[in-house]
Amino acid sequence: MIAATADPTSISTILRSWNADPLVILALVLTGATYVSALRWARGRGYREPRGRRICFLSGLAAVGAALLSPIDAYSNALLSVHMVQHLLLTMVAPPLLLLGAPVTVALRASGARGRRRLLLPILRSRVVRFLSHPLASWGIFAAVMWGTHFSPLYEAALTNHWIHVLEHVAYLAAGLLFWAPLVGRDPIPSRMGHPARLLYAFLAMPQLAFLGLAVSGAGRVLYPAYIRQSARLGVSALADQHLAGAIMWETGAVLMLPALGLVLVDWLSSEERRGAAHDAVLDRQRAASPATPPGTAA
């Protein structure tokens, strides 16, 4: 929160406006410690951790921390543009990084055969997980959460009620994880998409984010009256700030999709190279196993 007696526009106030929420800090520390411990258990069972996975997962946790603990959180109730940055961190930055850490794979490799058979595999094969992991469901849930929260009384309520605000953040992070799982996830999920389908999946998300941003920036009135008084304290017009927030949504949202498209293309090329190498290896083994043609004998 911004101190009521401080100048909210001063650099010193901004830098001091960190939110030491004990629940958020505890959740981040426990999640990170559990992931690192699971990696150690998995390595003890022969798991070879691909390069960069730990960095990706911990960077995802850092993005969540930046969204919920830094001055971004303190100023999110004063400026819609800052609130939009917070939402983008929770939906477009943190989820893909967390999923690139392959937490489900790490959990499967760290657990014993009994734990996998009795707990993890039944969850992964459950109807709920099958539904949520289906690309149509994950894409639709993400779109519904984004549009439903921005164009319903829920957004205004979240600005005045702490627990509704917390639930909103949980919904953004969960929807982001569901959306990104079919696209960049490294974990085994019931519904897998081929690379062409993944490219289409990402392309269809770009106009959805753009239209949402345009709807916010193009509105001729202040959509969330709670910002009128708060933004005035900072000397900013609530309507001008709303236009900036919409621009951040449609421009930054589209830009953040580009690395995902590049990742899918790189993964596609790598898979084709692996498939070609495997095919060549099979041909080499077949040639080695076939009897050599005697010299001077017609082929």
C-alpha atoms as a PDB file:
ATOM      1  CA  MET A   1       0.000   0.000   0.000  1.00  0.00           C
ATOM      2  CA  ILE A   2       1.075   3.594  -0.649  1.00  0.00           C
ATOM      3  CA  ALA A   3       1.540   5.545   2.562  1.00  0.00           C
ATOM      4  CA  ALA A   4      -1.239   8.125   2.957  1.00  0.00           C
ATOM      5  CA  THR A   5       1.141  10.835   4.196  1.00  0.00           C
ATOM      6  CA  ALA A   6       3.830  10.321   1.569  1.00  0.00           C
ATOM      7  CA  ASP A   7       4.106  11.898  -1.857  1.00  0.00           C
ATOM      8  CA  PRO A   8       3.002   9.018  -4.107  1.00  0.00           C
ATOM      9  CA  THR A   9       4.872  10.421  -7.098  1.00  0.00           C
ATOM     10  CA  SER A  10       8.308  10.591  -5.458  1.00  0.00           C
ATOM     11  CA  ILE A  11      10.922   8.022  -6.349  1.00  0.00           C
ATOM     12  CA  SER A  12      11.649   7.284  -2.690  1.00  0.00           C
ATOM     13  CA  THR A  13       7.985   6.495  -2.007  1.00  0.00           C
ATOM     14  CA  ILE A  14       7.792   4.229  -5.033  1.00  0.00           C
ATOM     15  CA  LEU A  15      10.943   2.327  -4.042  1.00  0.00           C
ATOM     16  CA  ARG A  16       9.703   1.884  -0.462  1.00  0.00           C
ATOM     17  CA  SER A  17       6.273   0.636  -1.528  1.00  0.00           C
ATOM     18  CA  TRP A  18       7.015  -3.061  -1.250  1.00  0.00           C
ATOM     19  CA  ASN A  19       4.265  -5.351  -0.010  1.00  0.00           C
ATOM     20  CA  ALA A  20       5.549  -7.861   2.558  1.00  0.00           C
ATOM     21  CA  ASP A  21       2.481 -10.090   2.368  1.00  0.00           C
ATOM     22  CA  PRO A  22       3.409 -13.113   4.542  1.00  0.00           C
ATOM     23  CA  LEU A  23       1.049 -15.475   2.675  1.00  0.00           C
ATOM     24  CA  VAL A  24       2.571 -14.630  -0.707  1.00  0.00           C
ATOM     25  CA  ILE A  25       6.135 -14.844   0.616  1.00  0.00           C
ATOM     26  CA  LEU A  26       5.415 -18.175   2.333  1.00  0.00           C
ATOM     27  CA  ALA A  27       3.766 -19.608  -0.797  1.00  0.00           C
ATOM     28  CA  LEU A  28       6.684 -18.567  -3.022  1.00  0.00           C
ATOM     29  CA  VAL A  29       9.348 -19.879  -0.624  1.00  0.00           C
ATOM     30  CA  LEU A  30       7.559 -23.206  -0.090  1.00  0.00           C
ATOM     31  CA  THR A  31       6.952 -23.681  -3.802  1.00  0.00           C
ATOM     32  CA  GLY A  32      10.563 -22.935  -4.696  1.00  0.00           C
ATOM     33  CA  ALA A  33      11.949 -25.124  -1.908  1.00  0.00           C
ATOM     34  CA  THR A  34       9.636 -27.994  -2.845  1.00  0.00           C
ATOM     35  CA  TYR A  35      10.679 -27.791  -6.509  1.00  0.00           C
ATOM     36  CA  VAL A  36      14.414 -27.725  -5.694  1.00  0.00           C
ATOM     37  CA  SER A  37      14.028 -30.613  -3.237  1.00  0.00           C
ATOM     38  CA  ALA A  38      12.059 -32.623  -5.792  1.00  0.00           C
ATOM     39  CA  LEU A  39      14.840 -32.055  -8.319  1.00  0.00           C
ATOM     40  CA  ARG A  40      17.361 -33.489  -5.866  1.00  0.00           C
ATOM     41  CA  TRP A  41      15.170 -36.541  -5.268  1.00  0.00           C
ATOM     42  CA  ALA A  42      14.697 -36.958  -9.015  1.00  0.00           C
ATOM     43  CA  ARG A  43      18.437 -36.791  -9.661  1.00  0.00           C
ATOM     44  CA  GLY A  44      18.914 -39.452  -7.007  1.00  0.00           C
ATOM     45  CA  ARG A  45      16.576 -41.655  -9.040  1.00  0.00           C
ATOM     46  CA  GLY A  46      18.545 -41.112 -12.261  1.00  0.00           C
ATOM     47  CA  TYR A  47      16.761 -38.048 -13.656  1.00  0.00           C
ATOM     48  CA  ARG A  48      18.993 -35.879 -15.820  1.00  0.00           C
ATOM     49  CA  GLU A  49      17.742 -32.317 -15.520  1.00  0.00           C
ATOM     50  CA  PRO A  50      17.724 -30.505 -18.904  1.00  0.00           C
ATOM     51  CA  ARG A  51      19.670 -27.283 -18.877  1.00  0.00           C
ATOM     52  CA  GLY A  52      17.718 -24.209 -17.856  1.00  0.00           C
ATOM     53  CA  ARG A  53      14.647 -25.844 -16.328  1.00  0.00           C
ATOM     54  CA  ARG A  54      15.429 -24.819 -12.773  1.00  0.00           C
ATOM     55  CA  ILE A  55      16.222 -21.277 -13.900  1.00  0.00           C
ATOM     56  CA  CYS A  56      12.914 -21.060 -15.777  1.00  0.00           C
ATOM     57  CA  PHE A  57      10.845 -22.255 -12.824  1.00  0.00           C
ATOM     58  CA  LEU A  58      12.529 -19.988 -10.289  1.00  0.00           C
ATOM     59  CA  SER A  59      12.267 -17.068 -12.726  1.00  0.00           C
ATOM     60  CA  GLY A  60       8.541 -17.750 -12.945  1.00  0.00           C
ATOM     61  CA  LEU A  61       8.286 -17.533  -9.156  1.00  0.00           C
ATOM     62  CA  ALA A  62      10.278 -14.279  -9.291  1.00  0.00           C
ATOM     63  CA  ALA A  63       7.766 -12.886 -11.806  1.00  0.00           C
ATOM     64  CA  VAL A  64       4.911 -13.757  -9.430  1.00  0.00           C
ATOM     65  CA  GLY A  65       6.831 -12.067  -6.622  1.00  0.00           C
ATOM     66  CA  ALA A  66       7.359  -8.953  -8.740  1.00  0.00           C
ATOM     67  CA  ALA A  67       3.641  -8.810  -9.496  1.00  0.00           C
ATOM     68  CA  LEU A  68       2.428  -9.291  -5.929  1.00  0.00           C
ATOM     69  CA  LEU A  69       5.174  -7.890  -3.674  1.00  0.00           C
ATOM     70  CA  SER A  70       6.890  -5.070  -5.547  1.00  0.00           C
ATOM     71  CA  PRO A  71       5.668  -1.463  -5.968  1.00  0.00           C
ATOM     72  CA  ILE A  72       3.650  -2.788  -8.923  1.00  0.00           C
ATOM     73  CA  ASP A  73       1.172  -4.210  -6.409  1.00  0.00           C
ATOM     74  CA  ALA A  74       1.171  -1.056  -4.290  1.00  0.00           C
ATOM     75  CA  TYR A  75       0.306   1.164  -7.258  1.00  0.00           C
ATOM     76  CA  SER A  76      -2.064  -1.284  -8.958  1.00  0.00           C
ATOM     77  CA  ASN A  77      -5.017   0.122  -6.978  1.00  0.00           C
ATOM     78  CA  ALA A  78      -4.130   3.656  -8.024  1.00  0.00           C
ATOM     79  CA  LEU A  79      -3.440   3.256 -11.732  1.00  0.00           C
ATOM     80  CA  LEU A  80      -5.140   0.863 -14.123  1.00  0.00           C
ATOM     81  CA  SER A  81      -2.045   0.855 -16.336  1.00  0.00           C
ATOM     82  CA  VAL A  82       0.043  -0.533 -13.471  1.00  0.00           C
ATOM     83  CA  HIS A  83      -2.711  -3.022 -12.673  1.00  0.00           C
ATOM     84  CA  MET A  84      -2.573  -4.186 -16.299  1.00  0.00           C
ATOM     85  CA  VAL A  85       1.184  -4.760 -16.002  1.00  0.00           C
ATOM     86  CA  GLN A  86       0.492  -6.848 -12.903  1.00  0.00           C
ATOM     87  CA  HIS A  87      -2.078  -8.934 -14.777  1.00  0.00           C
ATOM     88  CA  LEU A  88       0.285  -9.487 -17.695  1.00  0.00           C
ATOM     89  CA  LEU A  89       2.979 -10.718 -15.312  1.00  0.00           C
ATOM     90  CA  LEU A  90       0.520 -13.204 -13.794  1.00  0.00           C
ATOM     91  CA  THR A  91      -0.924 -14.430 -17.096  1.00  0.00           C
ATOM     92  CA  MET A  92       1.730 -13.977 -19.783  1.00  0.00           C
ATOM     93  CA  VAL A  93       5.136 -14.045 -18.048  1.00  0.00           C
ATOM     94  CA  ALA A  94       5.066 -16.221 -14.934  1.00  0.00           C
ATOM     95  CA  PRO A  95       2.994 -19.180 -16.279  1.00  0.00           C
ATOM     96  CA  PRO A  96       5.175 -20.079 -19.297  1.00  0.00           C
ATOM     97  CA  LEU A  97       8.329 -19.823 -17.194  1.00  0.00           C
ATOM     98  CA  LEU A  98       6.872 -22.081 -14.504  1.00  0.00           C
ATOM     99  CA  LEU A  99       5.746 -24.622 -17.096  1.00  0.00           C
ATOM    100  CA  LEU A 100       9.136 -24.630 -18.824  1.00  0.00           C
ATOM    101  CA  GLY A 101      10.451 -25.901 -15.500  1.00  0.00           C
ATOM    102  CA  ALA A 102       8.370 -29.077 -16.059  1.00  0.00           C
ATOM    103  CA  PRO A 103       7.134 -29.341 -12.448  1.00  0.00           C
ATOM    104  CA  VAL A 104       4.882 -32.342 -13.119  1.00  0.00           C
ATOM    105  CA  THR A 105       7.724 -34.275 -14.738  1.00  0.00           C
ATOM    106  CA  VAL A 106       9.973 -33.452 -11.791  1.00  0.00           C
ATOM    107  CA  ALA A 107       7.278 -34.652  -9.369  1.00  0.00           C
ATOM    108  CA  LEU A 108       6.838 -37.897 -11.324  1.00  0.00           C
ATOM    109  CA  ARG A 109      10.586 -38.563 -11.395  1.00  0.00           C
ATOM    110  CA  ALA A 110      11.036 -37.658  -7.718  1.00  0.00           C
ATOM    111  CA  SER A 111       8.225 -39.878  -6.438  1.00  0.00           C
ATOM    112  CA  GLY A 112       8.463 -43.629  -6.034  1.00  0.00           C
ATOM    113  CA  ALA A 113       6.493 -46.163  -8.016  1.00  0.00           C
ATOM    114  CA  ARG A 114       3.813 -46.362  -5.326  1.00  0.00           C
ATOM    115  CA  GLY A 115       3.373 -42.592  -5.200  1.00  0.00           C
ATOM    116  CA  ARG A 116       3.069 -42.357  -8.966  1.00  0.00           C
ATOM    117  CA  ARG A 117       0.620 -45.242  -9.157  1.00  0.00           C
ATOM    118  CA  ARG A 118      -1.604 -44.231  -6.256  1.00  0.00           C
ATOM    119  CA  LEU A 119      -1.567 -40.431  -6.449  1.00  0.00           C
ATOM    120  CA  LEU A 120       0.065 -38.673  -9.376  1.00  0.00           C
ATOM    121  CA  LEU A 121      -1.024 -40.842 -12.307  1.00  0.00           C
ATOM    122  CA  PRO A 122      -4.678 -41.087 -11.192  1.00  0.00           C
ATOM    123  CA  ILE A 123      -4.763 -37.271 -10.970  1.00  0.00           C
ATOM    124  CA  LEU A 124      -3.209 -36.844 -14.416  1.00  0.00           C
ATOM    125  CA  ARG A 125      -5.671 -39.351 -15.905  1.00  0.00           C
ATOM    126  CA  SER A 126      -8.733 -37.945 -14.164  1.00  0.00           C
ATOM    127  CA  ARG A 127     -11.639 -36.490 -16.115  1.00  0.00           C
ATOM    128  CA  VAL A 128     -11.093 -33.052 -14.592  1.00  0.00           C
ATOM    129  CA  VAL A 129      -7.480 -32.879 -15.754  1.00  0.00           C
ATOM    130  CA  ARG A 130      -8.414 -34.267 -19.170  1.00  0.00           C
ATOM    131  CA  PHE A 131     -11.023 -31.537 -19.563  1.00  0.00           C
ATOM    132  CA  LEU A 132      -8.885 -28.670 -18.265  1.00  0.00           C
ATOM    133  CA  SER A 133      -5.868 -29.711 -20.352  1.00  0.00           C
ATOM    134  CA  HIS A 134      -7.853 -29.904 -23.585  1.00  0.00           C
ATOM    135  CA  PRO A 135      -6.747 -26.989 -25.811  1.00  0.00           C
ATOM    136  CA  LEU A 136     -10.302 -25.811 -26.489  1.00  0.00           C
ATOM    137  CA  ALA A 137     -11.083 -25.746 -22.764  1.00  0.00           C
ATOM    138  CA  SER A 138      -7.808 -24.080 -21.722  1.00  0.00           C
ATOM    139  CA  TRP A 139      -8.078 -21.440 -24.461  1.00  0.00           C
ATOM    140  CA  GLY A 140     -11.735 -20.785 -23.644  1.00  0.00           C
ATOM    141  CA  ILE A 141     -11.148 -20.543 -19.880  1.00  0.00           C
ATOM    142  CA  PHE A 142      -8.312 -18.072 -20.428  1.00  0.00           C
ATOM    143  CA  ALA A 143     -10.464 -15.879 -22.683  1.00  0.00           C
ATOM    144  CA  ALA A 144     -13.432 -16.095 -20.287  1.00  0.00           C
ATOM    145  CA  VAL A 145     -11.310 -15.071 -17.292  1.00  0.00           C
ATOM    146  CA  MET A 146      -9.713 -12.151 -19.135  1.00  0.00           C
ATOM    147  CA  TRP A 147     -12.965 -10.756 -20.548  1.00  0.00           C
ATOM    148  CA  GLY A 148     -15.114 -11.701 -17.569  1.00  0.00           C
ATOM    149  CA  THR A 149     -12.939  -9.953 -15.007  1.00  0.00           C
ATOM    150  CA  HIS A 150     -12.389  -6.791 -17.027  1.00  0.00           C
ATOM    151  CA  PHE A 151     -16.008  -6.319 -18.104  1.00  0.00           C
ATOM    152  CA  SER A 152     -17.992  -7.308 -15.043  1.00  0.00           C
ATOM    153  CA  PRO A 153     -18.561  -5.886 -11.534  1.00  0.00           C
ATOM    154  CA  LEU A 154     -15.835  -8.251 -10.313  1.00  0.00           C
ATOM    155  CA  TYR A 155     -13.011  -5.896 -11.318  1.00  0.00           C
ATOM    156  CA  GLU A 156     -14.444  -2.953  -9.377  1.00  0.00           C
ATOM    157  CA  ALA A 157     -15.142  -5.213  -6.400  1.00  0.00           C
ATOM    158  CA  ALA A 158     -11.541  -6.436  -6.422  1.00  0.00           C
ATOM    159  CA  LEU A 159     -10.343  -2.845  -6.039  1.00  0.00           C
ATOM    160  CA  THR A 160     -12.243  -2.427  -2.769  1.00  0.00           C
ATOM    161  CA  ASN A 161     -12.168  -5.949  -1.294  1.00  0.00           C
ATOM    162  CA  HIS A 162      -8.837  -7.578  -0.459  1.00  0.00           C
ATOM    163  CA  TRP A 163      -9.995 -11.198  -0.664  1.00  0.00           C
ATOM    164  CA  ILE A 164     -11.781 -10.711  -3.961  1.00  0.00           C
ATOM    165  CA  HIS A 165      -8.534  -9.191  -5.215  1.00  0.00           C
ATOM    166  CA  VAL A 166      -6.633 -12.266  -4.018  1.00  0.00           C
ATOM    167  CA  LEU A 167      -9.095 -14.585  -5.780  1.00  0.00           C
ATOM    168  CA  GLU A 168      -8.724 -12.509  -8.935  1.00  0.00           C
ATOM    169  CA  HIS A 169      -4.952 -12.984  -8.858  1.00  0.00           C
ATOM    170  CA  VAL A 170      -5.350 -16.741  -8.319  1.00  0.00           C
ATOM    171  CA  ALA A 171      -7.757 -16.886 -11.266  1.00  0.00           C
ATOM    172  CA  TYR A 172      -5.288 -15.041 -13.521  1.00  0.00           C
ATOM    173  CA  LEU A 173      -2.373 -17.287 -12.604  1.00  0.00           C
ATOM    174  CA  ALA A 174      -4.443 -20.480 -12.922  1.00  0.00           C
ATOM    175  CA  ALA A 175      -5.929 -19.418 -16.259  1.00  0.00           C
ATOM    176  CA  GLY A 176      -2.457 -18.517 -17.495  1.00  0.00           C
ATOM    177  CA  LEU A 177      -1.080 -21.933 -16.529  1.00  0.00           C
ATOM    178  CA  LEU A 178      -3.971 -23.680 -18.307  1.00  0.00           C
ATOM    179  CA  PHE A 179      -3.514 -21.530 -21.409  1.00  0.00           C
ATOM    180  CA  TRP A 180       0.250 -21.986 -21.695  1.00  0.00           C
ATOM    181  CA  ALA A 181       0.379 -25.705 -20.858  1.00  0.00           C
ATOM    182  CA  PRO A 182      -0.561 -26.962 -24.367  1.00  0.00           C
ATOM    183  CA  LEU A 183       1.713 -24.376 -25.949  1.00  0.00           C
ATOM    184  CA  VAL A 184       5.061 -24.499 -24.135  1.00  0.00           C
ATOM    185  CA  GLY A 185       4.598 -27.066 -21.375  1.00  0.00           C
ATOM    186  CA  ARG A 186       7.178 -29.834 -21.044  1.00  0.00           C
ATOM    187  CA  ASP A 187       4.991 -32.036 -18.858  1.00  0.00           C
ATOM    188  CA  PRO A 188       2.937 -35.047 -19.996  1.00  0.00           C
ATOM    189  CA  ILE A 189      -0.691 -33.958 -20.389  1.00  0.00           C
ATOM    190  CA  PRO A 190      -3.623 -36.020 -21.692  1.00  0.00           C
ATOM    191  CA  SER A 191      -4.264 -33.755 -24.698  1.00  0.00           C
ATOM    192  CA  ARG A 192      -1.195 -33.087 -26.800  1.00  0.00           C
ATOM    193  CA  MET A 193      -1.137 -30.838 -29.859  1.00  0.00           C
ATOM    194  CA  GLY A 194       1.079 -31.120 -32.886  1.00  0.00           C
ATOM    195  CA  HIS A 195       3.258 -28.185 -33.804  1.00  0.00           C
ATOM    196  CA  PRO A 196       0.931 -26.764 -36.525  1.00  0.00           C
ATOM    197  CA  ALA A 197      -1.977 -26.824 -34.044  1.00  0.00           C
ATOM    198  CA  ARG A 198       0.171 -25.108 -31.413  1.00  0.00           C
ATOM    199  CA  LEU A 199       1.029 -22.315 -33.835  1.00  0.00           C
ATOM    200  CA  LEU A 200      -2.661 -21.837 -34.640  1.00  0.00           C
ATOM    201  CA  TYR A 201      -3.482 -21.892 -30.915  1.00  0.00           C
ATOM    202  CA  ALA A 202      -1.030 -19.044 -30.283  1.00  0.00           C
ATOM    203  CA  PHE A 203      -2.103 -17.035 -33.335  1.00  0.00           C
ATOM    204  CA  LEU A 204      -5.747 -17.147 -32.226  1.00  0.00           C
ATOM    205  CA  ALA A 205      -4.790 -15.789 -28.802  1.00  0.00           C
ATOM    206  CA  MET A 206      -3.181 -12.676 -30.253  1.00  0.00           C
ATOM    207  CA  PRO A 207      -6.365 -11.047 -31.666  1.00  0.00           C
ATOM    208  CA  GLN A 208      -8.263 -12.000 -28.500  1.00  0.00           C
ATOM    209  CA  LEU A 209      -5.799 -10.011 -26.386  1.00  0.00           C
ATOM    210  CA  ALA A 210      -5.740  -7.198 -28.938  1.00  0.00           C
ATOM    211  CA  PHE A 211      -9.540  -6.859 -28.978  1.00  0.00           C
ATOM    212  CA  LEU A 212      -9.627  -6.816 -25.175  1.00  0.00           C
ATOM    213  CA  GLY A 213      -7.018  -4.084 -25.053  1.00  0.00           C
ATOM    214  CA  LEU A 214      -8.818  -2.069 -27.718  1.00  0.00           C
ATOM    215  CA  ALA A 215     -12.103  -2.426 -25.841  1.00  0.00           C
ATOM    216  CA  VAL A 216     -10.485  -1.006 -22.696  1.00  0.00           C
ATOM    217  CA  SER A 217      -8.569   1.789 -24.431  1.00  0.00           C
ATOM    218  CA  GLY A 218     -11.458   2.709 -26.732  1.00  0.00           C
ATOM    219  CA  ALA A 219     -14.038   3.139 -23.987  1.00  0.00           C
ATOM    220  CA  GLY A 220     -15.296   6.722 -23.788  1.00  0.00           C
ATOM    221  CA  ARG A 221     -15.914   6.587 -20.044  1.00  0.00           C
ATOM    222  CA  VAL A 222     -14.011   5.406 -16.979  1.00  0.00           C
ATOM    223  CA  LEU A 223     -14.805   1.703 -16.651  1.00  0.00           C
ATOM    224  CA  TYR A 224     -13.753   1.437 -13.003  1.00  0.00           C
ATOM    225  CA  PRO A 225     -14.827   4.489 -10.931  1.00  0.00           C
ATOM    226  CA  ALA A 226     -12.605   3.496  -8.012  1.00  0.00           C
ATOM    227  CA  TYR A 227      -9.635   4.756 -10.044  1.00  0.00           C
ATOM    228  CA  ILE A 228     -10.985   8.286 -10.389  1.00  0.00           C
ATOM    229  CA  ARG A 229     -10.029   9.422  -6.890  1.00  0.00           C
ATOM    230  CA  GLN A 230      -6.869   7.289  -6.649  1.00  0.00           C
ATOM    231  CA  SER A 231      -5.403   8.432  -9.977  1.00  0.00           C
ATOM    232  CA  ALA A 232      -6.226  12.066  -9.165  1.00  0.00           C
ATOM    233  CA  ARG A 233      -3.980  11.762  -6.112  1.00  0.00           C
ATOM    234  CA  LEU A 234      -1.149  11.020  -8.534  1.00  0.00           C
ATOM    235  CA  GLY A 235      -2.148  13.869 -10.822  1.00  0.00           C
ATOM    236  CA  VAL A 236      -3.233  11.488 -13.598  1.00  0.00           C
ATOM    237  CA  SER A 237      -6.509  11.464 -15.504  1.00  0.00           C
ATOM    238  CA  ALA A 238      -8.299   8.158 -14.921  1.00  0.00           C
ATOM    239  CA  LEU A 239      -9.540   8.094 -18.516  1.00  0.00           C
ATOM    240  CA  ALA A 240      -6.078   8.796 -19.958  1.00  0.00           C
ATOM    241  CA  ASP A 241      -4.609   6.104 -17.712  1.00  0.00           C
ATOM    242  CA  GLN A 242      -7.314   3.700 -18.915  1.00  0.00           C
ATOM    243  CA  HIS A 243      -6.338   4.367 -22.534  1.00  0.00           C
ATOM    244  CA  LEU A 244      -2.717   3.619 -21.636  1.00  0.00           C
ATOM    245  CA  ALA A 245      -3.759   0.392 -19.880  1.00  0.00           C
ATOM    246  CA  GLY A 246      -5.607  -0.814 -22.972  1.00  0.00           C
ATOM    247  CA  ALA A 247      -2.608  -0.024 -25.155  1.00  0.00           C
ATOM    248  CA  ILE A 248      -0.357  -1.986 -22.783  1.00  0.00           C
ATOM    249  CA  MET A 249      -2.726  -4.946 -23.025  1.00  0.00           C
ATOM    250  CA  TRP A 250      -2.959  -5.217 -26.799  1.00  0.00           C
ATOM    251  CA  GLU A 251       0.629  -4.211 -27.612  1.00  0.00           C
ATOM    252  CA  THR A 252       2.515  -6.013 -24.863  1.00  0.00           C
ATOM    253  CA  GLY A 253       0.229  -9.052 -25.002  1.00  0.00           C
ATOM    254  CA  ALA A 254       0.980  -9.497 -28.694  1.00  0.00           C
ATOM    255  CA  VAL A 255       4.723  -8.951 -28.179  1.00  0.00           C
ATOM    256  CA  LEU A 256       4.852 -11.548 -25.403  1.00  0.00           C
ATOM    257  CA  MET A 257       3.315 -14.131 -27.745  1.00  0.00           C
ATOM    258  CA  LEU A 258       6.198 -13.803 -30.218  1.00  0.00           C
ATOM    259  CA  PRO A 259       8.769 -15.693 -28.082  1.00  0.00           C
ATOM    260  CA  ALA A 260       6.203 -18.473 -27.662  1.00  0.00           C
ATOM    261  CA  LEU A 261       5.785 -18.746 -31.414  1.00  0.00           C
ATOM    262  CA  GLY A 262       9.558 -18.826 -31.814  1.00  0.00           C
ATOM    263  CA  LEU A 263       9.833 -21.541 -29.177  1.00  0.00           C
ATOM    264  CA  VAL A 264       7.245 -23.674 -30.968  1.00  0.00           C
ATOM    265  CA  LEU A 265       9.068 -23.263 -34.279  1.00  0.00           C
ATOM    266  CA  VAL A 266      12.436 -24.170 -32.742  1.00  0.00           C
ATOM    267  CA  ASP A 267      10.906 -27.186 -31.031  1.00  0.00           C
ATOM    268  CA  TRP A 268       9.290 -28.229 -34.329  1.00  0.00           C
ATOM    269  CA  LEU A 269      12.610 -28.047 -36.171  1.00  0.00           C
ATOM    270  CA  SER A 270      14.365 -29.941 -33.379  1.00  0.00           C
ATOM    271  CA  SER A 271      11.748 -32.684 -33.407  1.00  0.00           C
ATOM    272  CA  GLU A 272      12.104 -33.054 -37.177  1.00  0.00           C
ATOM    273  CA  GLU A 273      15.876 -33.312 -36.802  1.00  0.00           C
ATOM    274  CA  ARG A 274      15.492 -35.959 -34.096  1.00  0.00           C
ATOM    275  CA  ARG A 275      13.027 -37.878 -36.238  1.00  0.00           C
ATOM    276  CA  GLY A 276      15.390 -37.750 -39.195  1.00  0.00           C
ATOM    277  CA  ALA A 277      18.326 -38.878 -37.062  1.00  0.00           C
ATOM    278  CA  ALA A 278      16.270 -41.767 -35.663  1.00  0.00           C
ATOM    279  CA  HIS A 279      15.243 -42.802 -39.182  1.00  0.00           C
ATOM    280  CA  ASP A 280      18.858 -42.725 -40.360  1.00  0.00           C
ATOM    281  CA  ALA A 281      19.899 -44.809 -37.350  1.00  0.00           C
ATOM    282  CA  VAL A 282      17.288 -47.456 -38.224  1.00  0.00           C
ATOM    283  CA  LEU A 283      18.528 -47.588 -41.824  1.00  0.00           C
ATOM    284  CA  ASP A 284      22.132 -47.924 -40.621  1.00  0.00           C
ATOM    285  CA  ARG A 285      21.207 -50.837 -38.367  1.00  0.00           C
ATOM    286  CA  GLN A 286      19.322 -52.526 -41.200  1.00  0.00           C
ATOM    287  CA  ARG A 287      22.309 -52.186 -43.521  1.00  0.00           C
ATOM    288  CA  ALA A 288      24.649 -53.534 -40.831  1.00  0.00           C
ATOM    289  CA  ALA A 289      22.377 -56.519 -40.214  1.00  0.00           C
ATOM    290  CA  SER A 290      21.927 -57.478 -43.904  1.00  0.00           C
ATOM    291  CA  PRO A 291      24.544 -59.860 -45.434  1.00  0.00           C
ATOM    292  CA  ALA A 292      27.181 -58.190 -47.553  1.00  0.00           C
ATOM    293  CA  THR A 293      26.941 -58.712 -51.322  1.00  0.00           C
ATOM    294  CA  PRO A 294      29.823 -60.955 -52.524  1.00  0.00           C
ATOM    295  CA  PRO A 295      32.350 -59.253 -54.797  1.00  0.00           C
ATOM    296  CA  GLY A 296      31.620 -59.692 -58.475  1.00  0.00           C
ATOM    297  CA  THR A 297      27.998 -60.638 -57.869  1.00  0.00           C
ATOM    298  CA  ALA A 298      25.383 -58.662 -59.693  1.00  0.00           C
ATOM    299  CA  ALA A 299      23.173 -56.588 -57.475  1.00  0.00           C
END
